[in-house]
Amino acid sequence: MSKLKQQSGFTLIEMLVTVVVSSVLVIILMQIMMLTLKANVDLETRSRYQYESYIMSESIRDFIFDLKPQEVELITDNSSETIIEIRHLYGYTTNDQNQIVEDPTLITDILRLDKEFGNLYYNGTLVNDNSVSLGPNSEIKWISIDPTVCNLTVSECDEGILELTLEIIVSLPDGGTLTPQVFVTRILI
C-alpha cells in the first residue's frame, strides 16, 4: 500500500485572495495618508497667512502705540499708494532752569501702502516679509469715530480707527504663489 503524502502550503486561490485583500488594504491606507498630508499642507498654509497678517498688523500697532499719537491724517489715497501721517504733537522736557516744559518737537511717522509693488512701509521700513506681497485688494483706511466731531475730508483727527485690509500673497521658493487671502485688522487710536 502506498501512503499518500500530506502536502502543506497554499493553493493558488488562497494566494490570489491574500494578494487582493492586501492590495485593497494598502490602497485604503495610502488614501488616508494622502488625505492627512493634504490636510497638513492646508493647515500650514492657513497658519502662514495668519502669521504674516499678525506680524504686519502687530508691527504697525506697536509702532503706533510707541508713538502715542495725538493726530492722524490721511495724506494720499490713490490707485498707486495710500499715505497716512501719524503725529505726536508734544512731549515734556526740562529747560535750562530744570523746569518741566512742553517740548515743541513734532514727531511724525508715515504709514505707506505701495499698491503698485504690494509693500507696506512704516517710516520707510518694509513691514512685510520679502516672500510676501500685498494684493490689489489691500487698503488702509482712516475712519472717523464720530464724523460730526471730526470730518476726515476737511482736516486731521485726534481719534479714529485705522483699518488695515491686507490681501496677502505668499511667494513660494519655486516661483509659484499661494492663493491670496484677505485679513482685516482695526486699530483704535
N, C-alpha and C. Protein backbone atom coordinates (compact mmCIF):
# COMPACT_ATOMS: atom_id res chain seq x y z
N MET A 1 0.81 -1.16 0.00
CA MET A 1 0.00 0.00 0.00
C MET A 1 0.86 1.25 0.00
N SER A 2 0.37 2.09 -0.69
CA SER A 2 1.12 3.31 -0.75
C SER A 2 0.47 4.37 0.14
N LYS A 3 1.32 5.07 0.72
CA LYS A 3 0.82 6.12 1.60
C LYS A 3 0.76 7.42 0.81
N LEU A 4 -0.33 8.13 1.00
CA LEU A 4 -0.45 9.44 0.39
C LEU A 4 0.27 10.45 1.25
N LYS A 5 1.07 11.19 0.63
CA LYS A 5 1.79 12.22 1.38
C LYS A 5 0.86 13.41 1.59
N GLN A 6 0.90 13.93 2.76
CA GLN A 6 0.15 15.15 3.08
C GLN A 6 0.98 16.34 2.61
N GLN A 7 0.40 17.17 1.81
CA GLN A 7 1.11 18.34 1.33
C GLN A 7 0.62 19.56 2.09
N SER A 8 1.56 20.33 2.53
CA SER A 8 1.18 21.58 3.21
C SER A 8 1.59 22.74 2.31
N GLY A 9 0.85 23.89 2.45
CA GLY A 9 1.14 25.05 1.63
C GLY A 9 -0.16 25.75 1.25
N PHE A 10 -0.03 26.69 0.33
CA PHE A 10 -1.18 27.48 -0.09
C PHE A 10 -1.59 27.07 -1.49
N THR A 11 -2.86 27.12 -1.69
CA THR A 11 -3.34 26.88 -3.04
C THR A 11 -3.26 28.19 -3.81
N LEU A 12 -3.39 28.11 -5.10
CA LEU A 12 -3.33 29.29 -5.94
C LEU A 12 -4.47 30.26 -5.59
N ILE A 13 -5.62 29.76 -5.30
CA ILE A 13 -6.78 30.60 -4.95
C ILE A 13 -6.52 31.32 -3.63
N GLU A 14 -5.96 30.66 -2.66
CA GLU A 14 -5.65 31.30 -1.38
C GLU A 14 -4.63 32.43 -1.58
N MET A 15 -3.66 32.20 -2.44
CA MET A 15 -2.66 33.23 -2.71
C MET A 15 -3.30 34.45 -3.38
N LEU A 16 -4.18 34.24 -4.34
CA LEU A 16 -4.84 35.33 -5.03
C LEU A 16 -5.71 36.14 -4.08
N VAL A 17 -6.45 35.46 -3.20
CA VAL A 17 -7.30 36.16 -2.23
C VAL A 17 -6.43 37.01 -1.31
N THR A 18 -5.31 36.47 -0.87
CA THR A 18 -4.40 37.20 0.01
C THR A 18 -3.85 38.45 -0.68
N VAL A 19 -3.46 38.34 -1.93
CA VAL A 19 -2.92 39.47 -2.68
C VAL A 19 -3.99 40.54 -2.88
N VAL A 20 -5.21 40.15 -3.22
CA VAL A 20 -6.29 41.11 -3.44
C VAL A 20 -6.64 41.84 -2.15
N VAL A 21 -6.78 41.12 -1.06
CA VAL A 21 -7.12 41.75 0.23
C VAL A 21 -6.00 42.69 0.66
N SER A 22 -4.76 42.27 0.51
CA SER A 22 -3.62 43.11 0.89
C SER A 22 -3.58 44.38 0.03
N SER A 23 -3.86 44.26 -1.26
CA SER A 23 -3.87 45.41 -2.16
C SER A 23 -4.94 46.41 -1.77
N VAL A 24 -6.13 45.92 -1.44
CA VAL A 24 -7.22 46.80 -1.02
C VAL A 24 -6.82 47.55 0.25
N LEU A 25 -6.24 46.85 1.21
CA LEU A 25 -5.81 47.49 2.46
C LEU A 25 -4.73 48.54 2.21
N VAL A 26 -3.78 48.25 1.33
CA VAL A 26 -2.72 49.21 1.03
C VAL A 26 -3.31 50.44 0.35
N ILE A 27 -4.25 50.26 -0.57
CA ILE A 27 -4.88 51.39 -1.26
C ILE A 27 -5.63 52.26 -0.25
N ILE A 28 -6.37 51.66 0.66
CA ILE A 28 -7.10 52.42 1.68
C ILE A 28 -6.14 53.20 2.57
N LEU A 29 -5.07 52.55 2.99
CA LEU A 29 -4.08 53.23 3.84
C LEU A 29 -3.38 54.37 3.10
N MET A 30 -3.10 54.19 1.83
CA MET A 30 -2.48 55.26 1.04
C MET A 30 -3.42 56.45 0.90
N GLN A 31 -4.70 56.20 0.68
CA GLN A 31 -5.66 57.30 0.58
C GLN A 31 -5.77 58.06 1.90
N ILE A 32 -5.78 57.34 3.00
CA ILE A 32 -5.82 58.00 4.32
C ILE A 32 -4.56 58.85 4.51
N MET A 33 -3.41 58.31 4.12
CA MET A 33 -2.16 59.05 4.26
C MET A 33 -2.18 60.30 3.37
N MET A 34 -2.67 60.18 2.15
CA MET A 34 -2.73 61.34 1.25
C MET A 34 -3.68 62.41 1.78
N LEU A 35 -4.82 62.03 2.32
CA LEU A 35 -5.75 62.99 2.92
C LEU A 35 -5.11 63.69 4.12
N THR A 36 -4.38 62.94 4.91
CA THR A 36 -3.71 63.51 6.08
C THR A 36 -2.63 64.51 5.65
N LEU A 37 -1.86 64.16 4.63
CA LEU A 37 -0.83 65.07 4.13
C LEU A 37 -1.45 66.34 3.55
N LYS A 38 -2.54 66.21 2.80
CA LYS A 38 -3.21 67.38 2.23
C LYS A 38 -3.76 68.28 3.33
N ALA A 39 -4.37 67.67 4.35
CA ALA A 39 -4.89 68.46 5.48
C ALA A 39 -3.75 69.18 6.19
N ASN A 40 -2.61 68.55 6.32
CA ASN A 40 -1.45 69.16 6.97
C ASN A 40 -0.94 70.35 6.16
N VAL A 41 -0.87 70.20 4.83
CA VAL A 41 -0.42 71.31 3.97
C VAL A 41 -1.41 72.46 4.06
N ASP A 42 -2.71 72.17 4.02
CA ASP A 42 -3.73 73.22 4.13
C ASP A 42 -3.61 73.96 5.46
N LEU A 43 -3.38 73.22 6.53
CA LEU A 43 -3.22 73.84 7.86
C LEU A 43 -1.97 74.70 7.91
N GLU A 44 -0.87 74.22 7.35
CA GLU A 44 0.36 75.02 7.33
C GLU A 44 0.18 76.30 6.50
N THR A 45 -0.53 76.19 5.38
CA THR A 45 -0.78 77.36 4.53
C THR A 45 -1.61 78.38 5.28
N ARG A 46 -2.69 77.94 5.90
CA ARG A 46 -3.55 78.85 6.66
C ARG A 46 -2.77 79.49 7.81
N SER A 47 -1.93 78.70 8.47
CA SER A 47 -1.12 79.23 9.57
C SER A 47 -0.14 80.28 9.07
N ARG A 48 0.45 80.06 7.90
CA ARG A 48 1.40 81.03 7.34
C ARG A 48 0.70 82.36 7.05
N TYR A 49 -0.50 82.29 6.45
CA TYR A 49 -1.25 83.51 6.18
C TYR A 49 -1.58 84.26 7.47
N GLN A 50 -2.07 83.54 8.45
CA GLN A 50 -2.43 84.18 9.71
C GLN A 50 -1.20 84.75 10.39
N TYR A 51 -0.09 84.05 10.33
CA TYR A 51 1.14 84.53 10.93
C TYR A 51 1.60 85.82 10.25
N GLU A 52 1.60 85.85 8.92
CA GLU A 52 2.04 87.05 8.19
C GLU A 52 1.12 88.23 8.49
N SER A 53 -0.18 87.99 8.50
CA SER A 53 -1.14 89.06 8.82
C SER A 53 -0.91 89.56 10.24
N TYR A 54 -0.71 88.66 11.16
CA TYR A 54 -0.49 89.02 12.56
C TYR A 54 0.79 89.85 12.70
N ILE A 55 1.87 89.41 12.07
CA ILE A 55 3.15 90.12 12.18
C ILE A 55 3.03 91.54 11.64
N MET A 56 2.42 91.69 10.47
CA MET A 56 2.30 93.03 9.88
C MET A 56 1.42 93.92 10.75
N SER A 57 0.27 93.42 11.14
CA SER A 57 -0.67 94.22 11.94
C SER A 57 -0.09 94.57 13.31
N GLU A 58 0.54 93.61 13.95
CA GLU A 58 1.11 93.88 15.27
C GLU A 58 2.30 94.83 15.19
N SER A 59 3.08 94.74 14.13
CA SER A 59 4.20 95.69 13.96
C SER A 59 3.66 97.11 13.86
N ILE A 60 2.64 97.31 13.02
CA ILE A 60 2.03 98.64 12.88
C ILE A 60 1.46 99.10 14.21
N ARG A 61 0.74 98.21 14.88
CA ARG A 61 0.13 98.56 16.17
C ARG A 61 1.21 98.96 17.19
N ASP A 62 2.30 98.20 17.24
CA ASP A 62 3.39 98.54 18.18
C ASP A 62 4.02 99.89 17.86
N PHE A 63 4.28 100.14 16.57
CA PHE A 63 4.85 101.43 16.18
C PHE A 63 3.92 102.58 16.60
N ILE A 64 2.64 102.40 16.35
CA ILE A 64 1.68 103.46 16.67
C ILE A 64 1.58 103.66 18.18
N PHE A 65 1.50 102.59 18.94
CA PHE A 65 1.37 102.74 20.39
C PHE A 65 2.64 103.29 21.01
N ASP A 66 3.80 102.97 20.42
CA ASP A 66 5.06 103.55 20.92
C ASP A 66 5.08 105.06 20.70
N LEU A 67 4.50 105.52 19.60
CA LEU A 67 4.50 106.95 19.29
C LEU A 67 3.52 107.72 20.18
N LYS A 68 2.46 107.07 20.62
CA LYS A 68 1.39 107.72 21.40
C LYS A 68 0.85 108.94 20.63
N PRO A 69 0.24 108.69 19.46
CA PRO A 69 -0.15 109.80 18.60
C PRO A 69 -1.30 110.62 19.16
N GLN A 70 -1.30 111.90 18.79
CA GLN A 70 -2.43 112.77 19.11
C GLN A 70 -3.18 113.18 17.84
N GLU A 71 -2.63 112.86 16.69
CA GLU A 71 -3.25 113.31 15.45
C GLU A 71 -2.91 112.34 14.33
N VAL A 72 -3.88 112.05 13.49
CA VAL A 72 -3.67 111.20 12.32
C VAL A 72 -4.33 111.87 11.14
N GLU A 73 -3.64 111.82 9.99
CA GLU A 73 -4.19 112.45 8.80
C GLU A 73 -3.94 111.59 7.58
N LEU A 74 -4.98 111.41 6.79
CA LEU A 74 -4.87 110.72 5.51
C LEU A 74 -4.31 111.72 4.52
N ILE A 75 -3.08 111.49 4.04
CA ILE A 75 -2.40 112.43 3.16
C ILE A 75 -2.70 112.12 1.70
N THR A 76 -2.53 110.87 1.31
CA THR A 76 -2.73 110.45 -0.08
C THR A 76 -3.47 109.14 -0.11
N ASP A 77 -4.43 109.04 -1.02
CA ASP A 77 -5.12 107.77 -1.25
C ASP A 77 -5.51 107.74 -2.72
N ASN A 78 -4.67 107.10 -3.53
CA ASN A 78 -4.95 106.98 -4.95
C ASN A 78 -4.68 105.55 -5.41
N SER A 79 -4.66 105.32 -6.69
CA SER A 79 -4.50 103.96 -7.21
C SER A 79 -3.11 103.40 -7.00
N SER A 80 -2.11 104.24 -6.75
CA SER A 80 -0.76 103.73 -6.59
C SER A 80 -0.29 103.64 -5.14
N GLU A 81 -0.85 104.47 -4.25
CA GLU A 81 -0.40 104.43 -2.86
C GLU A 81 -1.40 105.08 -1.91
N THR A 82 -1.27 104.68 -0.66
CA THR A 82 -2.00 105.33 0.44
C THR A 82 -0.95 105.75 1.46
N ILE A 83 -1.01 107.02 1.87
CA ILE A 83 -0.07 107.53 2.88
C ILE A 83 -0.87 108.14 4.02
N ILE A 84 -0.52 107.71 5.23
CA ILE A 84 -1.15 108.25 6.43
C ILE A 84 -0.06 108.78 7.34
N GLU A 85 -0.23 110.02 7.81
CA GLU A 85 0.71 110.61 8.78
C GLU A 85 0.14 110.42 10.18
N ILE A 86 1.00 109.97 11.06
CA ILE A 86 0.63 109.76 12.45
C ILE A 86 1.56 110.66 13.26
N ARG A 87 0.97 111.60 14.03
CA ARG A 87 1.79 112.63 14.68
C ARG A 87 1.67 112.58 16.20
N HIS A 88 2.83 112.83 16.81
CA HIS A 88 2.91 113.06 18.25
C HIS A 88 3.26 114.52 18.40
N LEU A 89 2.30 115.32 18.90
CA LEU A 89 2.45 116.77 18.87
C LEU A 89 3.29 117.34 20.00
N TYR A 90 3.28 116.72 21.12
CA TYR A 90 4.03 117.29 22.22
C TYR A 90 4.45 116.22 23.20
N GLY A 91 5.51 116.54 23.88
CA GLY A 91 6.02 115.73 24.96
C GLY A 91 6.50 116.70 26.02
N TYR A 92 7.23 116.22 26.94
CA TYR A 92 7.75 117.09 28.00
C TYR A 92 9.24 116.94 28.09
N THR A 93 9.88 118.04 28.43
CA THR A 93 11.33 118.08 28.59
C THR A 93 11.63 119.05 29.72
N THR A 94 12.90 119.26 29.99
CA THR A 94 13.28 120.24 31.02
C THR A 94 14.03 121.38 30.34
N ASN A 95 13.85 122.57 30.87
CA ASN A 95 14.55 123.74 30.31
C ASN A 95 15.86 123.97 31.08
N ASP A 96 16.50 125.11 30.83
CA ASP A 96 17.78 125.42 31.47
C ASP A 96 17.67 125.54 32.98
N GLN A 97 16.50 125.89 33.47
CA GLN A 97 16.29 126.02 34.92
C GLN A 97 15.77 124.71 35.53
N ASN A 98 15.87 123.60 34.78
CA ASN A 98 15.37 122.30 35.22
C ASN A 98 13.88 122.29 35.53
N GLN A 99 13.14 123.11 34.83
CA GLN A 99 11.69 123.11 34.95
C GLN A 99 11.11 122.24 33.83
N ILE A 100 10.03 121.56 34.15
CA ILE A 100 9.37 120.72 33.16
C ILE A 100 8.51 121.61 32.27
N VAL A 101 8.75 121.52 30.96
CA VAL A 101 8.02 122.33 29.99
C VAL A 101 7.61 121.43 28.82
N GLU A 102 6.61 121.90 28.05
CA GLU A 102 6.22 121.16 26.86
C GLU A 102 7.32 121.22 25.83
N ASP A 103 7.56 120.09 25.20
CA ASP A 103 8.55 120.01 24.13
C ASP A 103 7.83 120.30 22.81
N PRO A 104 8.22 121.33 22.10
CA PRO A 104 7.51 121.72 20.87
C PRO A 104 7.83 120.84 19.66
N THR A 105 8.69 119.84 19.85
CA THR A 105 9.10 118.99 18.74
C THR A 105 7.91 118.18 18.22
N LEU A 106 7.71 118.24 16.92
CA LEU A 106 6.66 117.48 16.26
C LEU A 106 7.28 116.19 15.72
N ILE A 107 6.77 115.06 16.18
CA ILE A 107 7.24 113.76 15.67
C ILE A 107 6.17 113.22 14.73
N THR A 108 6.57 112.91 13.50
CA THR A 108 5.63 112.41 12.50
C THR A 108 6.12 111.07 11.97
N ASP A 109 5.26 110.08 12.03
CA ASP A 109 5.53 108.77 11.43
C ASP A 109 4.67 108.65 10.18
N ILE A 110 5.17 107.91 9.20
CA ILE A 110 4.47 107.74 7.93
C ILE A 110 4.15 106.26 7.73
N LEU A 111 2.89 105.96 7.52
CA LEU A 111 2.43 104.63 7.15
C LEU A 111 2.09 104.69 5.66
N ARG A 112 2.75 103.84 4.87
CA ARG A 112 2.57 103.92 3.41
C ARG A 112 2.31 102.53 2.83
N LEU A 113 1.23 102.44 2.08
CA LEU A 113 0.90 101.22 1.33
C LEU A 113 1.23 101.49 -0.13
N ASP A 114 2.24 100.80 -0.65
CA ASP A 114 2.63 100.91 -2.05
C ASP A 114 1.80 99.87 -2.82
N LYS A 115 0.76 100.33 -3.48
CA LYS A 115 -0.16 99.43 -4.17
C LYS A 115 0.44 98.86 -5.46
N GLU A 116 1.38 99.56 -6.06
CA GLU A 116 1.99 99.09 -7.31
C GLU A 116 2.87 97.86 -7.08
N PHE A 117 3.66 97.88 -6.01
CA PHE A 117 4.59 96.79 -5.74
C PHE A 117 4.14 95.88 -4.61
N GLY A 118 3.00 96.20 -3.97
CA GLY A 118 2.46 95.34 -2.93
C GLY A 118 3.28 95.31 -1.66
N ASN A 119 3.72 96.48 -1.21
CA ASN A 119 4.52 96.54 0.02
C ASN A 119 3.91 97.53 1.01
N LEU A 120 4.16 97.27 2.28
CA LEU A 120 3.69 98.13 3.37
C LEU A 120 4.92 98.65 4.11
N TYR A 121 4.98 99.97 4.28
CA TYR A 121 6.13 100.62 4.92
C TYR A 121 5.67 101.42 6.13
N TYR A 122 6.51 101.43 7.16
CA TYR A 122 6.30 102.33 8.30
C TYR A 122 7.61 103.08 8.48
N ASN A 123 7.56 104.40 8.28
CA ASN A 123 8.77 105.24 8.31
C ASN A 123 9.85 104.73 7.38
N GLY A 124 9.46 104.28 6.21
CA GLY A 124 10.42 103.83 5.21
C GLY A 124 10.91 102.41 5.39
N THR A 125 10.52 101.75 6.47
CA THR A 125 10.95 100.38 6.73
C THR A 125 9.89 99.41 6.22
N LEU A 126 10.30 98.44 5.43
CA LEU A 126 9.38 97.44 4.89
C LEU A 126 8.83 96.59 6.03
N VAL A 127 7.50 96.52 6.12
CA VAL A 127 6.85 95.76 7.19
C VAL A 127 6.62 94.31 6.78
N ASN A 128 6.25 94.08 5.53
CA ASN A 128 6.00 92.71 5.10
C ASN A 128 7.31 92.00 4.76
N ASP A 129 7.29 90.68 4.88
CA ASP A 129 8.42 89.83 4.56
C ASP A 129 8.68 89.88 3.05
N ASN A 130 9.92 89.60 2.62
CA ASN A 130 10.25 89.63 1.20
C ASN A 130 9.48 88.58 0.39
N SER A 131 9.09 87.48 1.03
CA SER A 131 8.35 86.44 0.32
C SER A 131 6.84 86.69 0.34
N VAL A 132 6.44 87.83 0.88
CA VAL A 132 5.02 88.16 0.98
C VAL A 132 4.79 89.50 0.29
N SER A 133 3.75 89.54 -0.53
CA SER A 133 3.36 90.82 -1.12
C SER A 133 1.88 91.03 -0.84
N LEU A 134 1.45 92.26 -1.01
CA LEU A 134 0.05 92.61 -0.77
C LEU A 134 -0.65 92.79 -2.10
N GLY A 135 -1.81 92.17 -2.23
CA GLY A 135 -2.55 92.19 -3.48
C GLY A 135 -3.30 93.49 -3.71
N PRO A 136 -3.95 93.59 -4.86
CA PRO A 136 -4.66 94.82 -5.23
C PRO A 136 -5.86 95.13 -4.34
N ASN A 137 -6.34 94.18 -3.59
CA ASN A 137 -7.46 94.43 -2.68
C ASN A 137 -7.01 94.93 -1.31
N SER A 138 -5.71 95.16 -1.15
CA SER A 138 -5.21 95.69 0.12
C SER A 138 -5.49 97.18 0.20
N GLU A 139 -5.83 97.64 1.38
CA GLU A 139 -6.06 99.08 1.57
C GLU A 139 -5.91 99.45 3.03
N ILE A 140 -5.64 100.74 3.23
CA ILE A 140 -5.58 101.31 4.57
C ILE A 140 -6.63 102.41 4.61
N LYS A 141 -7.45 102.38 5.65
CA LYS A 141 -8.47 103.42 5.80
C LYS A 141 -8.31 104.08 7.16
N TRP A 142 -8.54 105.37 7.18
CA TRP A 142 -8.61 106.13 8.42
C TRP A 142 -10.07 106.49 8.58
N ILE A 143 -10.73 105.92 9.59
CA ILE A 143 -12.17 106.06 9.77
C ILE A 143 -12.43 106.91 11.01
N SER A 144 -13.23 107.92 10.84
CA SER A 144 -13.60 108.78 11.96
C SER A 144 -14.57 108.04 12.87
N ILE A 145 -14.40 108.18 14.17
CA ILE A 145 -15.32 107.56 15.12
C ILE A 145 -16.64 108.31 15.13
N ASP A 146 -16.56 109.63 15.08
CA ASP A 146 -17.76 110.47 15.07
C ASP A 146 -17.59 111.57 14.03
N PRO A 147 -18.16 111.39 12.83
CA PRO A 147 -17.98 112.37 11.76
C PRO A 147 -18.51 113.77 12.10
N THR A 148 -19.38 113.89 13.09
CA THR A 148 -19.87 115.22 13.47
C THR A 148 -18.79 116.00 14.23
N VAL A 149 -17.90 115.28 14.89
CA VAL A 149 -16.81 115.92 15.63
C VAL A 149 -15.57 116.09 14.76
N CYS A 150 -15.29 115.08 13.94
CA CYS A 150 -14.09 115.11 13.12
C CYS A 150 -14.43 114.61 11.72
N ASN A 151 -14.39 115.52 10.76
CA ASN A 151 -14.66 115.18 9.37
C ASN A 151 -13.33 114.99 8.65
N LEU A 152 -13.02 113.76 8.28
CA LEU A 152 -11.72 113.45 7.69
C LEU A 152 -11.48 114.11 6.34
N THR A 153 -12.54 114.47 5.64
CA THR A 153 -12.36 115.12 4.34
C THR A 153 -11.93 116.57 4.50
N VAL A 154 -12.11 117.13 5.71
CA VAL A 154 -11.78 118.54 5.95
C VAL A 154 -10.44 118.70 6.66
N SER A 155 -10.18 117.88 7.68
CA SER A 155 -8.97 118.07 8.48
C SER A 155 -8.52 116.77 9.11
N GLU A 156 -7.39 116.85 9.82
CA GLU A 156 -6.88 115.71 10.56
C GLU A 156 -7.74 115.49 11.80
N CYS A 157 -7.62 114.31 12.38
CA CYS A 157 -8.42 113.97 13.58
C CYS A 157 -7.49 113.49 14.67
N ASP A 158 -7.95 113.66 15.91
CA ASP A 158 -7.15 113.19 17.02
C ASP A 158 -7.60 111.83 17.53
N GLU A 159 -8.65 111.28 16.94
CA GLU A 159 -9.07 109.93 17.29
C GLU A 159 -9.77 109.31 16.09
N GLY A 160 -9.68 108.01 16.01
CA GLY A 160 -10.30 107.31 14.90
C GLY A 160 -9.88 105.85 14.89
N ILE A 161 -10.22 105.19 13.79
CA ILE A 161 -9.90 103.78 13.63
C ILE A 161 -9.05 103.63 12.37
N LEU A 162 -7.89 103.03 12.53
CA LEU A 162 -7.04 102.71 11.40
C LEU A 162 -7.39 101.28 10.99
N GLU A 163 -7.92 101.13 9.79
CA GLU A 163 -8.33 99.81 9.32
C GLU A 163 -7.36 99.33 8.24
N LEU A 164 -6.70 98.20 8.52
CA LEU A 164 -5.78 97.58 7.58
C LEU A 164 -6.47 96.39 6.93
N THR A 165 -6.70 96.46 5.64
CA THR A 165 -7.23 95.32 4.89
C THR A 165 -6.06 94.80 4.05
N LEU A 166 -5.57 93.62 4.40
CA LEU A 166 -4.37 93.09 3.77
C LEU A 166 -4.69 91.84 2.97
N GLU A 167 -4.55 91.92 1.66
CA GLU A 167 -4.68 90.74 0.80
C GLU A 167 -3.27 90.17 0.67
N ILE A 168 -3.03 89.08 1.36
CA ILE A 168 -1.69 88.54 1.48
C ILE A 168 -1.44 87.48 0.40
N ILE A 169 -0.32 87.66 -0.32
CA ILE A 169 0.10 86.72 -1.35
C ILE A 169 1.47 86.19 -0.93
N VAL A 170 1.56 84.89 -0.71
CA VAL A 170 2.81 84.27 -0.29
C VAL A 170 3.49 83.66 -1.51
N SER A 171 4.75 84.05 -1.75
CA SER A 171 5.54 83.51 -2.86
C SER A 171 6.30 82.28 -2.38
N LEU A 172 6.28 81.25 -3.18
CA LEU A 172 6.98 80.00 -2.85
C LEU A 172 8.38 80.02 -3.44
N PRO A 173 9.30 79.22 -2.89
CA PRO A 173 10.67 79.19 -3.41
C PRO A 173 10.76 78.79 -4.89
N ASP A 174 9.80 78.00 -5.38
CA ASP A 174 9.84 77.57 -6.79
C ASP A 174 9.28 78.62 -7.75
N GLY A 175 8.88 79.79 -7.22
CA GLY A 175 8.36 80.86 -8.05
C GLY A 175 6.85 80.94 -8.09
N GLY A 176 6.16 79.93 -7.61
CA GLY A 176 4.71 79.95 -7.56
C GLY A 176 4.20 80.77 -6.39
N THR A 177 2.90 80.95 -6.33
CA THR A 177 2.30 81.68 -5.21
C THR A 177 1.11 80.89 -4.68
N LEU A 178 0.83 81.12 -3.42
CA LEU A 178 -0.36 80.54 -2.82
C LEU A 178 -1.56 81.42 -3.13
N THR A 179 -2.74 80.86 -3.06
CA THR A 179 -3.96 81.63 -3.31
C THR A 179 -4.07 82.76 -2.29
N PRO A 180 -4.25 84.01 -2.75
CA PRO A 180 -4.32 85.15 -1.82
C PRO A 180 -5.49 85.02 -0.84
N GLN A 181 -5.28 85.53 0.36
CA GLN A 181 -6.32 85.59 1.37
C GLN A 181 -6.33 86.99 1.97
N VAL A 182 -7.51 87.44 2.40
CA VAL A 182 -7.68 88.79 2.92
C VAL A 182 -7.89 88.73 4.43
N PHE A 183 -7.18 89.61 5.15
CA PHE A 183 -7.32 89.75 6.59
C PHE A 183 -7.56 91.22 6.91
N VAL A 184 -8.45 91.49 7.87
CA VAL A 184 -8.77 92.87 8.25
C VAL A 184 -8.43 93.06 9.73
N THR A 185 -7.69 94.13 10.01
CA THR A 185 -7.33 94.48 11.39
C THR A 185 -7.72 95.93 11.61
N ARG A 186 -8.32 96.21 12.78
CA ARG A 186 -8.69 97.58 13.13
C ARG A 186 -7.92 97.98 14.38
N ILE A 187 -7.33 99.19 14.30
CA ILE A 187 -6.54 99.72 15.43
C ILE A 187 -7.21 101.01 15.86
N LEU A 188 -7.64 101.06 17.11
CA LEU A 188 -8.28 102.26 17.67
C LEU A 188 -7.20 103.22 18.14
N ILE A 189 -7.26 104.46 17.63
CA ILE A 189 -6.28 105.47 18.01
C ILE A 189 -7.00 106.61 18.68
